[in-house]
Amino acid sequence: MSGIEDGVRDALAGLPRTFRPVLTRVVLLTLGVALMVALTIVALLMPHDGASPWSTGDRATVIVLGVLIAATLALLSRPKVVVAAEGITVVNLMVKRQLAWAEVLRVNLRPGDAWVHLDLADGTTLAAMGIQPGIAKQQALGDARLLRSLVETLGEAHGAAAADH
């Protein structure tokens, strides 16, 4: 068996498996917490009196801004792709979609793509933002290859390929 087939066999044994841009997630969450803490400290250290005192409303506004920034960065760190025996779950920024293996025809990650795209049996394409080559390109390429192999092994594409032979 080839290395890819061995990887697919190992992946099948290790299901469910989650693909996510770990380094991107760490950077976003760390930055979000740091900004929230920094803005909270700034709000609390601003003068209560003097020539330009900060009111309680001013302080609350800066703290709420820090929380909103942290929440936005947490939302940006949400994407993932979970593969299990029954199918694929794609979690993007605002949408979570569960797909049966037969619904996914092809996995695409072309040069310049921000993330993987799944060609679906209904003729549409679904972005799978959980596999993105931004910071960790090699990890994303390996994850995309493994997902492609799983789709070929477990999905409709595999059945169609077997019928052609």
C-alpha atoms as a PDB file:
ATOM      1  CA  MET A   1       0.000   0.000   0.000  1.00  0.00           C
ATOM      2  CA  SER A   2       1.129   3.530  -0.664  1.00  0.00           C
ATOM      3  CA  GLY A   3       1.771   6.134   2.029  1.00  0.00           C
ATOM      4  CA  ILE A   4      -1.517   7.888   1.256  1.00  0.00           C
ATOM      5  CA  GLU A   5      -3.494   4.653   1.583  1.00  0.00           C
ATOM      6  CA  ASP A   6      -1.737   3.933   4.878  1.00  0.00           C
ATOM      7  CA  GLY A   7      -2.617   7.465   6.007  1.00  0.00           C
ATOM      8  CA  VAL A   8      -6.265   6.912   5.044  1.00  0.00           C
ATOM      9  CA  ARG A   9      -6.353   3.610   6.930  1.00  0.00           C
ATOM     10  CA  ASP A  10      -4.833   5.297   9.991  1.00  0.00           C
ATOM     11  CA  ALA A  11      -7.277   8.210   9.644  1.00  0.00           C
ATOM     12  CA  LEU A  12     -10.238   5.832   9.412  1.00  0.00           C
ATOM     13  CA  ALA A  13      -9.086   4.139  12.594  1.00  0.00           C
ATOM     14  CA  GLY A  14      -8.691   7.556  14.262  1.00  0.00           C
ATOM     15  CA  LEU A  15     -12.157   8.921  13.394  1.00  0.00           C
ATOM     16  CA  PRO A  16     -13.580  11.301  14.401  1.00  0.00           C
ATOM     17  CA  ARG A  17     -10.819  13.738  13.528  1.00  0.00           C
ATOM     18  CA  THR A  18     -10.795  17.523  13.608  1.00  0.00           C
ATOM     19  CA  PHE A  19      -8.924  19.726  11.155  1.00  0.00           C
ATOM     20  CA  ARG A  20      -8.394  23.331  12.220  1.00  0.00           C
ATOM     21  CA  PRO A  21      -5.777  26.016  11.669  1.00  0.00           C
ATOM     22  CA  VAL A  22      -4.179  25.620  15.112  1.00  0.00           C
ATOM     23  CA  LEU A  23      -1.479  28.276  14.783  1.00  0.00           C
ATOM     24  CA  THR A  24      -3.951  30.821  13.398  1.00  0.00           C
ATOM     25  CA  ARG A  25      -6.332  30.012  16.255  1.00  0.00           C
ATOM     26  CA  VAL A  26      -3.600  30.463  18.868  1.00  0.00           C
ATOM     27  CA  VAL A  27      -2.563  33.810  17.375  1.00  0.00           C
ATOM     28  CA  LEU A  28      -6.145  35.114  17.175  1.00  0.00           C
ATOM     29  CA  LEU A  29      -7.137  34.029  20.688  1.00  0.00           C
ATOM     30  CA  THR A  30      -3.901  35.307  22.232  1.00  0.00           C
ATOM     31  CA  LEU A  31      -4.267  38.643  20.477  1.00  0.00           C
ATOM     32  CA  GLY A  32      -7.915  38.895  21.537  1.00  0.00           C
ATOM     33  CA  VAL A  33      -7.150  38.266  25.205  1.00  0.00           C
ATOM     34  CA  ALA A  34      -4.147  40.627  25.139  1.00  0.00           C
ATOM     35  CA  LEU A  35      -6.172  43.452  23.573  1.00  0.00           C
ATOM     36  CA  MET A  36      -9.041  42.968  25.989  1.00  0.00           C
ATOM     37  CA  VAL A  37      -6.689  43.036  28.984  1.00  0.00           C
ATOM     38  CA  ALA A  38      -4.790  46.064  27.636  1.00  0.00           C
ATOM     39  CA  LEU A  39      -7.949  48.072  26.963  1.00  0.00           C
ATOM     40  CA  THR A  40      -9.343  47.176  30.386  1.00  0.00           C
ATOM     41  CA  ILE A  41      -6.132  48.335  32.075  1.00  0.00           C
ATOM     42  CA  VAL A  42      -6.143  51.569  30.058  1.00  0.00           C
ATOM     43  CA  ALA A  43      -9.784  52.217  30.996  1.00  0.00           C
ATOM     44  CA  LEU A  44      -9.106  51.629  34.691  1.00  0.00           C
ATOM     45  CA  LEU A  45      -5.922  53.733  34.797  1.00  0.00           C
ATOM     46  CA  MET A  46      -7.319  56.840  33.107  1.00  0.00           C
ATOM     47  CA  PRO A  47      -7.740  59.863  35.430  1.00  0.00           C
ATOM     48  CA  HIS A  48     -10.879  60.250  37.543  1.00  0.00           C
ATOM     49  CA  ASP A  49     -10.349  63.974  37.931  1.00  0.00           C
ATOM     50  CA  GLY A  50      -8.244  66.791  36.496  1.00  0.00           C
ATOM     51  CA  ALA A  51      -8.419  68.654  33.212  1.00  0.00           C
ATOM     52  CA  SER A  52      -9.940  65.746  31.230  1.00  0.00           C
ATOM     53  CA  PRO A  53     -11.406  63.143  33.564  1.00  0.00           C
ATOM     54  CA  TRP A  54     -12.822  59.872  32.261  1.00  0.00           C
ATOM     55  CA  SER A  55     -16.400  59.142  33.269  1.00  0.00           C
ATOM     56  CA  THR A  56     -17.686  55.695  34.160  1.00  0.00           C
ATOM     57  CA  GLY A  57     -19.355  55.610  30.741  1.00  0.00           C
ATOM     58  CA  ASP A  58     -16.040  56.299  28.997  1.00  0.00           C
ATOM     59  CA  ARG A  59     -14.375  53.493  30.912  1.00  0.00           C
ATOM     60  CA  ALA A  60     -17.227  51.076  30.216  1.00  0.00           C
ATOM     61  CA  THR A  61     -17.108  51.953  26.511  1.00  0.00           C
ATOM     62  CA  VAL A  62     -13.392  51.120  26.264  1.00  0.00           C
ATOM     63  CA  ILE A  63     -13.861  47.851  28.196  1.00  0.00           C
ATOM     64  CA  VAL A  64     -16.839  46.862  26.006  1.00  0.00           C
ATOM     65  CA  LEU A  65     -14.744  47.658  22.929  1.00  0.00           C
ATOM     66  CA  GLY A  66     -12.052  45.282  24.226  1.00  0.00           C
ATOM     67  CA  VAL A  67     -14.643  42.557  24.784  1.00  0.00           C
ATOM     68  CA  LEU A  68     -16.086  43.064  21.287  1.00  0.00           C
ATOM     69  CA  ILE A  69     -12.645  42.859  19.688  1.00  0.00           C
ATOM     70  CA  ALA A  70     -11.879  39.673  21.640  1.00  0.00           C
ATOM     71  CA  ALA A  71     -15.250  38.177  20.653  1.00  0.00           C
ATOM     72  CA  THR A  72     -14.650  39.009  16.986  1.00  0.00           C
ATOM     73  CA  LEU A  73     -11.217  37.377  17.054  1.00  0.00           C
ATOM     74  CA  ALA A  74     -12.720  34.339  18.824  1.00  0.00           C
ATOM     75  CA  LEU A  75     -15.319  34.115  16.042  1.00  0.00           C
ATOM     76  CA  LEU A  76     -12.536  34.240  13.447  1.00  0.00           C
ATOM     77  CA  SER A  77     -10.830  31.329  15.226  1.00  0.00           C
ATOM     78  CA  ARG A  78     -13.986  29.148  15.095  1.00  0.00           C
ATOM     79  CA  PRO A  79     -13.608  27.365  11.716  1.00  0.00           C
ATOM     80  CA  LYS A  80     -12.946  23.640  11.724  1.00  0.00           C
ATOM     81  CA  VAL A  81     -13.704  20.521   9.732  1.00  0.00           C
ATOM     82  CA  VAL A  82     -14.671  17.380  11.631  1.00  0.00           C
ATOM     83  CA  VAL A  83     -14.624  14.050   9.822  1.00  0.00           C
ATOM     84  CA  ALA A  84     -16.415  11.066  11.314  1.00  0.00           C
ATOM     85  CA  ALA A  85     -17.608   7.711  10.034  1.00  0.00           C
ATOM     86  CA  GLU A  86     -21.038   9.167   9.223  1.00  0.00           C
ATOM     87  CA  GLY A  87     -19.803  12.242   7.354  1.00  0.00           C
ATOM     88  CA  ILE A  88     -18.172  15.649   7.464  1.00  0.00           C
ATOM     89  CA  THR A  89     -19.111  18.617   9.641  1.00  0.00           C
ATOM     90  CA  VAL A  90     -17.923  21.982   8.335  1.00  0.00           C
ATOM     91  CA  VAL A  91     -17.928  24.826  10.867  1.00  0.00           C
ATOM     92  CA  ASN A  92     -17.247  28.227   9.311  1.00  0.00           C
ATOM     93  CA  LEU A  93     -17.582  31.675  10.884  1.00  0.00           C
ATOM     94  CA  MET A  94     -21.363  31.761  11.195  1.00  0.00           C
ATOM     95  CA  VAL A  95     -22.542  28.501   9.645  1.00  0.00           C
ATOM     96  CA  LYS A  96     -22.253  24.857  10.654  1.00  0.00           C
ATOM     97  CA  ARG A  97     -23.138  22.274   8.012  1.00  0.00           C
ATOM     98  CA  GLN A  98     -23.190  18.498   8.253  1.00  0.00           C
ATOM     99  CA  LEU A  99     -22.618  16.498   5.095  1.00  0.00           C
ATOM    100  CA  ALA A 100     -22.860  12.809   4.331  1.00  0.00           C
ATOM    101  CA  TRP A 101     -19.769  11.411   2.625  1.00  0.00           C
ATOM    102  CA  ALA A 102     -21.762  10.852  -0.582  1.00  0.00           C
ATOM    103  CA  GLU A 103     -22.584  14.588  -0.778  1.00  0.00           C
ATOM    104  CA  VAL A 104     -18.923  15.551  -1.255  1.00  0.00           C
ATOM    105  CA  LEU A 105     -17.599  14.908  -4.745  1.00  0.00           C
ATOM    106  CA  ARG A 106     -14.224  16.654  -4.621  1.00  0.00           C
ATOM    107  CA  VAL A 107     -11.858  18.468  -2.281  1.00  0.00           C
ATOM    108  CA  ASN A 108     -10.021  21.443  -3.830  1.00  0.00           C
ATOM    109  CA  LEU A 109      -7.127  23.516  -2.539  1.00  0.00           C
ATOM    110  CA  ARG A 110      -5.606  25.374  -5.452  1.00  0.00           C
ATOM    111  CA  PRO A 111      -2.616  27.735  -5.244  1.00  0.00           C
ATOM    112  CA  GLY A 112      -3.820  31.070  -3.925  1.00  0.00           C
ATOM    113  CA  ASP A 113      -6.980  29.680  -2.289  1.00  0.00           C
ATOM    114  CA  ALA A 114      -7.566  30.972   1.228  1.00  0.00           C
ATOM    115  CA  TRP A 115      -9.070  27.630   2.291  1.00  0.00           C
ATOM    116  CA  VAL A 116     -10.331  24.297   1.009  1.00  0.00           C
ATOM    117  CA  HIS A 117     -13.442  24.177  -1.167  1.00  0.00           C
ATOM    118  CA  LEU A 118     -15.733  21.157  -1.303  1.00  0.00           C
ATOM    119  CA  ASP A 119     -17.591  20.426  -4.538  1.00  0.00           C
ATOM    120  CA  LEU A 120     -20.975  19.026  -3.546  1.00  0.00           C
ATOM    121  CA  ALA A 121     -23.339  16.654  -5.324  1.00  0.00           C
ATOM    122  CA  ASP A 122     -26.009  19.378  -5.597  1.00  0.00           C
ATOM    123  CA  GLY A 123     -23.692  21.410  -7.851  1.00  0.00           C
ATOM    124  CA  THR A 124     -22.661  23.937  -5.207  1.00  0.00           C
ATOM    125  CA  THR A 125     -19.322  24.586  -3.580  1.00  0.00           C
ATOM    126  CA  LEU A 126     -18.827  24.870   0.176  1.00  0.00           C
ATOM    127  CA  ALA A 127     -15.864  26.652   1.729  1.00  0.00           C
ATOM    128  CA  ALA A 128     -14.214  24.563   4.435  1.00  0.00           C
ATOM    129  CA  MET A 129     -12.406  27.327   6.311  1.00  0.00           C
ATOM    130  CA  GLY A 130     -11.009  24.879   8.862  1.00  0.00           C
ATOM    131  CA  ILE A 131      -8.256  23.932   6.419  1.00  0.00           C
ATOM    132  CA  GLN A 132      -6.428  27.083   5.388  1.00  0.00           C
ATOM    133  CA  PRO A 133      -2.833  27.439   4.246  1.00  0.00           C
ATOM    134  CA  GLY A 134      -2.331  30.960   5.650  1.00  0.00           C
ATOM    135  CA  ILE A 135       0.220  30.512   8.440  1.00  0.00           C
ATOM    136  CA  ALA A 136       0.766  26.728   8.375  1.00  0.00           C
ATOM    137  CA  LYS A 137       0.854  25.867   4.678  1.00  0.00           C
ATOM    138  CA  GLN A 138       2.340  22.377   5.005  1.00  0.00           C
ATOM    139  CA  GLN A 139      -0.214  21.342   7.626  1.00  0.00           C
ATOM    140  CA  ALA A 140      -3.055  22.603   5.410  1.00  0.00           C
ATOM    141  CA  LEU A 141      -1.721  20.762   2.359  1.00  0.00           C
ATOM    142  CA  GLY A 142      -1.430  17.517   4.338  1.00  0.00           C
ATOM    143  CA  ASP A 143      -4.908  17.960   5.815  1.00  0.00           C
ATOM    144  CA  ALA A 144      -6.396  18.682   2.371  1.00  0.00           C
ATOM    145  CA  ARG A 145      -4.718  15.574   0.902  1.00  0.00           C
ATOM    146  CA  LEU A 146      -6.012  13.420   3.752  1.00  0.00           C
ATOM    147  CA  LEU A 147      -9.538  14.836   3.438  1.00  0.00           C
ATOM    148  CA  ARG A 148      -9.420  14.237  -0.325  1.00  0.00           C
ATOM    149  CA  SER A 149      -8.346  10.627   0.257  1.00  0.00           C
ATOM    150  CA  LEU A 150     -11.121  10.113   2.804  1.00  0.00           C
ATOM    151  CA  VAL A 151     -13.694  11.514   0.380  1.00  0.00           C
ATOM    152  CA  GLU A 152     -12.415   9.202  -2.340  1.00  0.00           C
ATOM    153  CA  THR A 153     -12.497   6.240   0.040  1.00  0.00           C
ATOM    154  CA  LEU A 154     -15.820   6.876   1.772  1.00  0.00           C
ATOM    155  CA  GLY A 155     -17.779   9.101  -0.590  1.00  0.00           C
ATOM    156  CA  GLU A 156     -19.673   9.077  -3.845  1.00  0.00           C
ATOM    157  CA  ALA A 157     -16.507   9.866  -5.826  1.00  0.00           C
ATOM    158  CA  HIS A 158     -15.084   6.479  -4.790  1.00  0.00           C
ATOM    159  CA  GLY A 159     -18.222   4.653  -5.942  1.00  0.00           C
ATOM    160  CA  ALA A 160     -18.158   6.439  -9.304  1.00  0.00           C
ATOM    161  CA  ALA A 161     -14.452   5.679  -9.789  1.00  0.00           C
ATOM    162  CA  ALA A 162     -15.012   2.013  -9.004  1.00  0.00           C
ATOM    163  CA  ALA A 163     -17.866   1.868 -11.570  1.00  0.00           C
ATOM    164  CA  ASP A 164     -15.573   3.324 -14.258  1.00  0.00           C
ATOM    165  CA  HIS A 165     -13.008   0.524 -13.909  1.00  0.00           C
END
